Amino acid sequence: MCPTCGWVRTIRVRLRDPLEQNMQQISLSPTLVRVRRQSLSSGEPRRAASPSVPKDPRWHLLDLVKSCRRRLNLRDRDIAVLRGLLSLVPAQAAPNEVVVFASNRVLVERCDGIDERTLRRRVAHLQKCGLLMRRSSPNGKRYQVRGDQQEPLLTYGIDLGPIFQIRCHLEAMADECRREEARVRTLKSLIRDALFRKSASHTECLQEEARLALRRNLTSEQLRDILTRLDELPADGSIGPTPEPNSQSTQLTVSNGQTDRHIQSLNKEILEYEEAASRPQPAAKKPNHEVCNPDDLTVTECIKLTATAQSFSSRPPESWEDIIELSVSLAPAIGVGSTSFRQAQEQLGRHGCALAILGLVEAYGRIRKPAAYLNTLIQRSRLHGIELISMFRSLVRPVSRA
């Protein structure tokens, strides 16, 4: 061993066998030994943890205001304006240094680019709620006047001192709001469970009130009153006759109404038309599509009333089939496509579609878009029914001119 560095030096010995010589060198080579540090005993004190970074009082106040914004009657715009105002205050500002002197242009940029009129209304609302105070100058500007010793004499701006002064009050209000939200959430769960277990007989009014209460912003006292009345009802199956096996299932606590989220779809649907088509229509309004009453309108009268359409025919029509063929040939001339013409035949019938086409030909000077007019007739027939003869006479009626 070397007395200076303490390492074991390799002793080279001349051996006859080369393999034995290599093994001797490996066994005598220096080896580094890593000494593990002794662990601290349980009784010894550990290293003190680094002190936690204190919260920024500005954003702590903003979180408190957001927690109890319903109690303070604040909107989302009010929170955005208050966030912009607090961002213009130093983090460790003194109570007398929390006045904002920025212009409206700077405030609009800090408040997510809201309109300047909205900014003024929200600032006035925050002042009404007691969260800030406006100090208006004679010329409407925001500035500070100092004396010889740089002491502030006059201060004009938006003072955020009130929100810093009521910090303890906001903390207590935020705790109460969080407890109220927890109570409301628990009571709604109990009401939902009571609606599932209770009998539906003779309690439709109360169950409807409880079902609507699950979707409304009610206080815990109102929800507790509803739950108390529900608990007084007997459980399902305790009274009344046993339900039949084929009886309807228990009514759910939600309705089939549309959700608030918009789902974009390429296949456009007209809900009111489908709902109206599913309703049974009265028999008096149901139109007679396939057969036209000869007493109401004859072939001769139809030919006489459609002189313009007859001028485009190679031979005068003699029957209803000839009139239908004439309408098929004149439909593209007035801009009616094959799809609209097929829908008109399905909804109005072959005779009704022919009368509509011939009537639109006669009224071509008064109707700008005959195809759109025909679609309107189809929709009206689907919803309420339509009298084909009255429709035809109204189209071919001559317009009186002064």
Protein backbone atom coordinates (compact mmCIF):
# COMPACT_ATOMS: atom_id res chain seq x y z
CA MET A 1 0.00 0.00 0.00
CA CYS A 2 1.21 3.41 -0.87
CA PRO A 3 1.73 5.55 2.28
CA THR A 4 0.83 8.73 0.39
CA CYS A 5 -2.43 7.93 -1.46
CA GLY A 6 -3.45 4.76 0.35
CA TRP A 7 -4.10 2.71 -2.82
CA VAL A 8 -2.93 -0.85 -3.23
CA ARG A 9 -0.43 -1.05 -6.03
CA THR A 10 -0.25 -3.92 -8.48
CA ILE A 11 2.61 -6.29 -7.83
CA ARG A 12 3.88 -7.77 -11.04
CA VAL A 13 5.42 -11.19 -10.67
CA ARG A 14 7.08 -13.06 -13.46
CA LEU A 15 5.33 -16.36 -13.88
CA ARG A 16 5.86 -19.00 -16.45
CA ASP A 17 2.16 -19.44 -17.24
CA PRO A 18 0.64 -16.31 -18.96
CA LEU A 19 -2.85 -17.19 -17.75
CA GLU A 20 -1.73 -17.43 -14.15
CA GLN A 21 0.09 -14.14 -14.56
CA ASN A 22 -3.13 -12.39 -15.74
CA MET A 23 -5.12 -13.80 -12.83
CA GLN A 24 -2.50 -12.57 -10.40
CA GLN A 25 -2.70 -9.05 -11.82
CA ILE A 26 -6.51 -8.98 -11.53
CA SER A 27 -6.50 -10.13 -7.92
CA LEU A 28 -3.94 -7.51 -6.90
CA SER A 29 -5.48 -4.55 -8.80
CA PRO A 30 -6.80 -1.61 -6.74
CA THR A 31 -10.55 -1.64 -6.00
CA LEU A 32 -12.66 1.45 -5.21
CA VAL A 33 -15.01 0.88 -2.30
CA ARG A 34 -18.02 3.16 -1.93
CA VAL A 35 -18.88 3.80 1.68
CA ARG A 36 -22.64 4.30 2.30
CA ARG A 37 -23.53 7.23 4.47
CA GLN A 38 -25.02 6.27 7.77
CA SER A 39 -28.72 6.95 7.99
CA LEU A 40 -30.03 9.29 10.61
CA SER A 41 -31.62 7.65 13.58
CA SER A 42 -35.26 8.15 14.34
CA GLY A 43 -34.44 10.34 17.29
CA GLU A 44 -32.36 12.84 15.36
CA PRO A 45 -34.22 15.83 13.90
CA ARG A 46 -34.53 15.95 10.12
CA ARG A 47 -33.61 18.88 7.92
CA ALA A 48 -36.14 21.67 8.19
CA ALA A 49 -38.44 21.94 5.17
CA SER A 50 -38.19 25.00 2.96
CA PRO A 51 -40.77 27.62 3.86
CA SER A 52 -43.83 27.63 1.60
CA VAL A 53 -44.22 30.52 -0.78
CA PRO A 54 -46.97 32.87 0.48
CA LYS A 55 -50.04 33.25 -1.67
CA ASP A 56 -50.47 36.35 -3.76
CA PRO A 57 -53.20 38.35 -1.94
CA ARG A 58 -54.63 39.60 -5.26
CA TRP A 59 -55.44 36.20 -6.69
CA HIS A 60 -56.50 34.88 -3.31
CA LEU A 61 -59.12 37.62 -3.19
CA LEU A 62 -60.15 36.84 -6.75
CA ASP A 63 -60.66 33.16 -5.85
CA LEU A 64 -62.78 34.17 -2.88
CA VAL A 65 -64.95 36.41 -5.05
CA LYS A 66 -65.41 33.63 -7.61
CA SER A 67 -66.45 31.20 -4.87
CA CYS A 68 -69.24 33.48 -3.67
CA ARG A 69 -70.11 35.32 -6.87
CA ARG A 70 -73.74 34.16 -6.76
CA ARG A 71 -74.10 35.55 -3.26
CA LEU A 72 -72.57 38.83 -4.48
CA ASN A 73 -74.75 38.84 -7.65
CA LEU A 74 -71.75 38.98 -9.97
CA ARG A 75 -71.50 37.87 -13.60
CA ASP A 76 -68.62 36.46 -15.60
CA ARG A 77 -67.87 39.91 -17.01
CA ASP A 78 -67.57 41.30 -13.49
CA ILE A 79 -64.96 38.64 -12.67
CA ALA A 80 -63.03 39.45 -15.86
CA VAL A 81 -62.98 43.19 -15.06
CA LEU A 82 -61.93 42.55 -11.46
CA ARG A 83 -59.11 40.28 -12.67
CA GLY A 84 -57.90 43.00 -15.03
CA LEU A 85 -57.96 45.63 -12.29
CA LEU A 86 -56.07 43.42 -9.83
CA SER A 87 -53.41 42.68 -12.44
CA LEU A 88 -52.52 46.41 -12.47
CA VAL A 89 -51.86 46.46 -8.72
CA PRO A 90 -48.41 45.48 -7.34
CA ALA A 91 -48.27 42.09 -5.64
CA GLN A 92 -47.03 43.44 -2.29
CA ALA A 93 -48.76 46.81 -2.45
CA ALA A 94 -49.55 48.75 0.68
CA PRO A 95 -53.22 49.41 1.55
CA ASN A 96 -52.85 53.00 0.31
CA GLU A 97 -51.26 51.92 -2.99
CA VAL A 98 -54.06 49.88 -4.50
CA VAL A 99 -55.39 52.59 -6.80
CA VAL A 100 -55.49 51.89 -10.55
CA PHE A 101 -54.57 54.84 -12.78
CA ALA A 102 -54.69 53.02 -16.12
CA SER A 103 -56.82 54.36 -18.96
CA ASN A 104 -59.86 52.62 -20.39
CA ARG A 105 -57.82 51.46 -23.39
CA VAL A 106 -55.39 49.60 -21.11
CA LEU A 107 -58.23 48.21 -19.04
CA VAL A 108 -59.97 46.87 -22.15
CA GLU A 109 -56.79 45.02 -23.11
CA ARG A 110 -56.40 43.58 -19.60
CA CYS A 111 -60.09 42.55 -19.47
CA ASP A 112 -59.98 40.24 -22.51
CA GLY A 113 -60.92 42.98 -24.98
CA ILE A 114 -64.45 43.67 -23.77
CA ASP A 115 -66.42 46.64 -25.02
CA GLU A 116 -65.70 49.96 -23.33
CA ARG A 117 -69.36 50.50 -22.48
CA THR A 118 -69.46 47.06 -20.85
CA LEU A 119 -66.34 48.00 -18.89
CA ARG A 120 -68.00 51.13 -17.49
CA ARG A 121 -71.16 49.22 -16.56
CA ARG A 122 -69.22 46.43 -14.84
CA VAL A 123 -67.05 48.88 -12.89
CA ALA A 124 -70.19 50.67 -11.69
CA HIS A 125 -71.70 47.32 -10.68
CA LEU A 126 -68.57 46.33 -8.75
CA GLN A 127 -68.71 49.65 -6.94
CA LYS A 128 -72.36 49.01 -6.09
CA CYS A 129 -71.38 45.62 -4.63
CA GLY A 130 -68.77 47.29 -2.40
CA LEU A 131 -65.68 45.74 -3.99
CA LEU A 132 -64.09 48.98 -5.22
CA MET A 133 -64.52 52.75 -5.16
CA ARG A 134 -64.17 55.25 -8.00
CA ARG A 135 -62.48 58.59 -7.41
CA SER A 136 -63.44 60.80 -10.37
CA SER A 137 -61.34 63.82 -11.33
CA PRO A 138 -62.75 67.06 -12.78
CA ASN A 139 -61.51 66.19 -16.29
CA GLY A 140 -62.29 62.47 -16.10
CA LYS A 141 -58.62 61.39 -16.06
CA ARG A 142 -56.93 59.11 -13.53
CA TYR A 143 -53.83 60.57 -11.91
CA GLN A 144 -52.27 61.55 -8.58
CA VAL A 145 -51.14 64.96 -7.31
CA ARG A 146 -48.10 64.99 -4.97
CA GLY A 147 -46.66 67.71 -2.75
CA ASP A 148 -43.10 68.98 -2.21
CA GLN A 149 -42.20 65.95 -0.11
CA GLN A 150 -43.76 63.57 -2.67
CA GLU A 151 -46.68 62.97 -0.37
CA PRO A 152 -49.98 62.20 -2.18
CA LEU A 153 -52.38 65.12 -1.96
CA LEU A 154 -55.07 64.15 -4.48
CA THR A 155 -55.73 60.72 -5.93
CA TYR A 156 -58.10 60.11 -8.83
CA GLY A 157 -58.63 56.56 -10.07
CA ILE A 158 -60.21 53.23 -9.24
CA ASP A 159 -59.52 52.38 -5.61
CA LEU A 160 -59.41 48.63 -4.82
CA GLY A 161 -58.98 49.23 -1.12
CA PRO A 162 -62.51 48.05 -0.18
CA ILE A 163 -61.92 44.50 -1.46
CA PHE A 164 -58.69 44.25 0.57
CA GLN A 165 -60.46 45.56 3.67
CA ILE A 166 -63.24 42.95 3.58
CA ARG A 167 -60.90 39.99 3.10
CA CYS A 168 -62.01 38.28 6.30
CA HIS A 169 -65.65 38.79 5.37
CA LEU A 170 -65.06 37.26 1.91
CA GLU A 171 -63.28 34.25 3.41
CA ALA A 172 -66.21 33.58 5.74
CA MET A 173 -68.70 34.03 2.90
CA ALA A 174 -66.72 31.71 0.61
CA ASP A 175 -66.66 28.99 3.30
CA GLU A 176 -70.40 29.34 3.75
CA CYS A 177 -70.99 29.14 -0.01
CA ARG A 178 -68.89 25.98 -0.27
CA ARG A 179 -70.84 24.38 2.57
CA GLU A 180 -74.10 25.44 0.94
CA GLU A 181 -73.07 23.87 -2.38
CA ALA A 182 -72.21 20.64 -0.58
CA ARG A 183 -75.60 20.63 1.18
CA VAL A 184 -77.45 21.30 -2.07
CA ARG A 185 -75.57 18.53 -3.84
CA THR A 186 -76.36 16.07 -1.05
CA LEU A 187 -80.05 17.03 -0.85
CA LYS A 188 -80.49 16.67 -4.61
CA SER A 189 -79.02 13.17 -4.43
CA LEU A 190 -81.45 12.28 -1.62
CA ILE A 191 -84.40 13.69 -3.60
CA ARG A 192 -83.38 11.71 -6.66
CA ASP A 193 -83.24 8.54 -4.57
CA ALA A 194 -86.62 9.30 -2.98
CA LEU A 195 -88.21 9.76 -6.41
CA PHE A 196 -86.88 6.36 -7.41
CA ARG A 197 -88.22 4.57 -4.31
CA LYS A 198 -91.53 6.30 -3.63
CA SER A 199 -94.87 5.30 -5.10
CA ALA A 200 -96.15 7.25 -8.09
CA SER A 201 -99.83 7.00 -7.11
CA HIS A 202 -101.55 10.22 -5.94
CA THR A 203 -98.22 12.10 -5.87
CA GLU A 204 -97.90 13.39 -9.42
CA CYS A 205 -97.88 17.05 -8.36
CA LEU A 206 -95.24 16.60 -5.67
CA GLN A 207 -93.08 14.38 -7.86
CA GLU A 208 -93.22 16.91 -10.68
CA GLU A 209 -92.15 19.65 -8.26
CA ALA A 210 -89.28 17.49 -6.99
CA ARG A 211 -88.22 16.58 -10.53
CA LEU A 212 -88.05 20.25 -11.52
CA ALA A 213 -86.17 21.09 -8.31
CA LEU A 214 -83.28 18.89 -9.47
CA ARG A 215 -82.70 21.24 -12.41
CA ARG A 216 -83.18 24.57 -10.63
CA ASN A 217 -80.97 26.73 -8.41
CA LEU A 218 -82.76 26.33 -5.11
CA THR A 219 -81.47 26.86 -1.60
CA SER A 220 -80.86 24.05 0.84
CA GLU A 221 -83.93 25.07 2.89
CA GLN A 222 -86.22 24.73 -0.12
CA LEU A 223 -84.72 21.36 -1.06
CA ARG A 224 -84.98 20.13 2.52
CA ASP A 225 -88.68 21.04 2.58
CA ILE A 226 -89.28 19.04 -0.61
CA LEU A 227 -87.32 16.08 0.78
CA THR A 228 -89.34 16.17 4.00
CA ARG A 229 -92.60 15.97 2.08
CA LEU A 230 -91.23 13.13 -0.02
CA ASP A 231 -90.18 11.17 3.06
CA GLU A 232 -93.74 11.34 4.38
CA LEU A 233 -94.99 9.39 1.37
CA PRO A 234 -95.16 5.59 1.53
CA ALA A 235 -92.55 3.58 -0.28
CA ASP A 236 -93.29 1.93 -3.61
CA GLY A 237 -95.40 -1.18 -3.17
CA SER A 238 -96.52 -0.53 0.44
CA ILE A 239 -100.02 0.66 -0.49
CA GLY A 240 -102.30 0.37 -3.47
CA PRO A 241 -102.86 -2.51 -5.84
CA THR A 242 -99.97 -4.53 -7.15
CA PRO A 243 -98.88 -3.23 -10.54
CA GLU A 244 -99.58 -5.42 -13.50
CA PRO A 245 -96.66 -7.05 -15.35
CA ASN A 246 -97.47 -5.06 -18.52
CA SER A 247 -97.69 -1.69 -16.76
CA GLN A 248 -95.43 1.14 -17.82
CA SER A 249 -92.06 1.60 -16.19
CA THR A 250 -91.34 4.26 -13.60
CA GLN A 251 -91.16 7.75 -15.05
CA LEU A 252 -87.65 9.12 -15.12
CA THR A 253 -86.68 12.33 -13.37
CA VAL A 254 -85.69 14.07 -16.58
CA SER A 255 -87.64 15.03 -19.66
CA ASN A 256 -87.00 14.36 -23.31
CA GLY A 257 -86.21 17.98 -24.03
CA GLN A 258 -83.31 19.05 -26.17
CA THR A 259 -79.96 19.62 -24.52
CA ASP A 260 -78.22 22.99 -24.42
CA ARG A 261 -75.24 21.77 -26.42
CA HIS A 262 -75.42 22.13 -30.16
CA ILE A 263 -74.63 19.03 -32.21
CA GLN A 264 -73.71 19.92 -35.76
CA SER A 265 -75.04 17.53 -38.36
CA LEU A 266 -74.86 17.57 -42.13
CA ASN A 267 -78.29 15.98 -42.34
CA LYS A 268 -80.57 18.90 -41.52
CA GLU A 269 -83.80 17.98 -39.84
CA ILE A 270 -86.98 20.03 -39.55
CA LEU A 271 -88.34 18.91 -36.20
CA GLU A 272 -91.61 20.82 -36.29
CA TYR A 273 -92.52 19.30 -39.65
CA GLU A 274 -91.79 15.78 -38.39
CA GLU A 275 -93.76 16.36 -35.20
CA ALA A 276 -96.69 17.79 -37.14
CA ALA A 277 -96.59 14.90 -39.57
CA SER A 278 -96.69 12.41 -36.68
CA ARG A 279 -99.81 14.04 -35.17
CA PRO A 280 -103.17 12.78 -36.40
CA GLN A 281 -104.72 15.39 -38.67
CA PRO A 282 -108.46 16.06 -38.62
CA ALA A 283 -110.47 14.38 -41.34
CA ALA A 284 -112.06 17.66 -42.46
CA LYS A 285 -108.68 19.10 -43.46
CA LYS A 286 -107.39 16.01 -45.20
CA PRO A 287 -107.13 16.86 -48.92
CA ASN A 288 -108.39 14.63 -51.67
CA HIS A 289 -105.18 14.05 -53.64
CA GLU A 290 -105.95 11.44 -56.23
CA VAL A 291 -109.45 12.30 -57.40
CA CYS A 292 -110.76 15.73 -58.37
CA ASN A 293 -114.49 16.19 -58.01
CA PRO A 294 -116.01 16.95 -61.46
CA ASP A 295 -118.61 19.15 -59.79
CA ASP A 296 -115.85 21.45 -58.44
CA LEU A 297 -113.61 21.51 -61.49
CA THR A 298 -114.07 19.87 -64.87
CA VAL A 299 -111.54 19.29 -67.60
CA THR A 300 -113.20 21.93 -69.79
CA GLU A 301 -113.08 24.55 -67.02
CA CYS A 302 -109.45 23.68 -66.26
CA ILE A 303 -108.54 24.14 -69.93
CA LYS A 304 -110.44 27.44 -70.07
CA LEU A 305 -108.65 28.81 -66.96
CA THR A 306 -105.15 27.83 -68.16
CA ALA A 307 -104.97 29.58 -71.52
CA THR A 308 -101.26 30.37 -71.12
CA ALA A 309 -100.38 26.75 -70.45
CA GLN A 310 -102.49 25.57 -73.41
CA SER A 311 -100.46 27.77 -75.75
CA PHE A 312 -97.40 25.60 -75.08
CA SER A 313 -99.24 22.38 -75.96
CA SER A 314 -99.15 20.88 -79.46
CA ARG A 315 -102.74 19.65 -79.11
CA PRO A 316 -105.49 20.65 -76.73
CA PRO A 317 -105.84 18.26 -73.75
CA GLU A 318 -109.00 16.19 -73.63
CA SER A 319 -108.71 14.38 -70.29
CA TRP A 320 -107.02 14.59 -66.92
CA GLU A 321 -104.19 12.39 -68.17
CA ASP A 322 -103.46 14.92 -70.90
CA ILE A 323 -103.41 17.70 -68.31
CA ILE A 324 -100.97 15.70 -66.15
CA GLU A 325 -98.69 15.12 -69.16
CA LEU A 326 -98.79 18.85 -69.93
CA SER A 327 -97.77 19.69 -66.35
CA VAL A 328 -94.85 17.25 -66.56
CA SER A 329 -93.54 19.03 -69.67
CA LEU A 330 -94.05 22.55 -68.21
CA ALA A 331 -92.48 21.92 -64.78
CA PRO A 332 -88.84 22.39 -65.89
CA ALA A 333 -89.81 25.56 -67.77
CA ILE A 334 -90.74 27.36 -64.55
CA GLY A 335 -87.69 26.08 -62.59
CA VAL A 336 -89.25 23.08 -60.81
CA GLY A 337 -86.71 20.25 -60.55
CA SER A 338 -87.39 16.56 -60.68
CA THR A 339 -87.00 16.16 -56.90
CA SER A 340 -89.52 18.89 -56.08
CA PHE A 341 -91.90 17.57 -58.72
CA ARG A 342 -91.71 14.06 -57.29
CA GLN A 343 -92.32 15.34 -53.73
CA ALA A 344 -95.30 17.35 -54.99
CA GLN A 345 -96.80 14.24 -56.60
CA GLU A 346 -96.29 12.24 -53.40
CA GLN A 347 -97.84 14.89 -51.15
CA LEU A 348 -100.45 16.53 -53.42
CA GLY A 349 -101.20 13.60 -55.67
CA ARG A 350 -100.89 13.46 -59.46
CA HIS A 351 -103.94 15.65 -60.08
CA GLY A 352 -103.06 18.16 -57.36
CA CYS A 353 -99.48 18.46 -58.61
CA ALA A 354 -100.77 19.07 -62.17
CA LEU A 355 -103.12 21.82 -60.95
CA ALA A 356 -100.30 23.44 -58.95
CA ILE A 357 -97.94 23.46 -61.96
CA LEU A 358 -100.56 24.87 -64.33
CA GLY A 359 -101.57 27.48 -61.78
CA LEU A 360 -97.94 28.56 -61.33
CA VAL A 361 -97.61 28.89 -65.11
CA GLU A 362 -100.61 31.23 -65.17
CA ALA A 363 -99.27 33.23 -62.19
CA TYR A 364 -95.68 33.34 -63.44
CA GLY A 365 -95.71 37.12 -63.65
CA ARG A 366 -96.83 37.48 -60.01
CA ILE A 367 -94.65 34.80 -58.38
CA ARG A 368 -90.92 35.31 -58.53
CA LYS A 369 -89.81 31.81 -57.50
CA PRO A 370 -92.34 29.17 -58.53
CA ALA A 371 -90.18 26.31 -57.19
CA ALA A 372 -90.07 27.86 -53.71
CA TYR A 373 -93.81 28.50 -53.87
CA LEU A 374 -94.39 24.82 -54.72
CA ASN A 375 -92.25 23.72 -51.76
CA THR A 376 -94.34 25.97 -49.52
CA LEU A 377 -97.51 24.31 -50.79
CA ILE A 378 -96.00 20.89 -50.05
CA GLN A 379 -95.09 21.86 -46.48
CA ARG A 380 -98.49 23.46 -45.87
CA SER A 381 -100.21 20.33 -47.14
CA ARG A 382 -98.07 18.18 -44.85
CA LEU A 383 -98.78 20.30 -41.78
CA HIS A 384 -102.36 21.46 -42.10
CA GLY A 385 -103.74 20.05 -45.33
CA ILE A 386 -104.67 22.08 -48.40
CA GLU A 387 -107.73 22.44 -50.65
CA LEU A 388 -106.44 21.81 -54.16
CA ILE A 389 -109.35 23.41 -56.02
CA SER A 390 -109.19 26.61 -53.94
CA MET A 391 -105.43 26.73 -54.41
CA PHE A 392 -105.79 26.34 -58.20
CA ARG A 393 -108.50 29.03 -58.49
CA SER A 394 -106.43 31.48 -56.43
CA LEU A 395 -103.46 31.02 -58.76
CA VAL A 396 -105.36 31.42 -62.03
CA ARG A 397 -107.51 34.31 -60.78
CA PRO A 398 -106.82 37.37 -62.96
CA VAL A 399 -105.39 40.42 -61.19
CA SER A 400 -107.60 43.50 -61.41
CA ARG A 401 -105.75 46.60 -62.58
CA ALA A 402 -106.85 50.17 -61.97
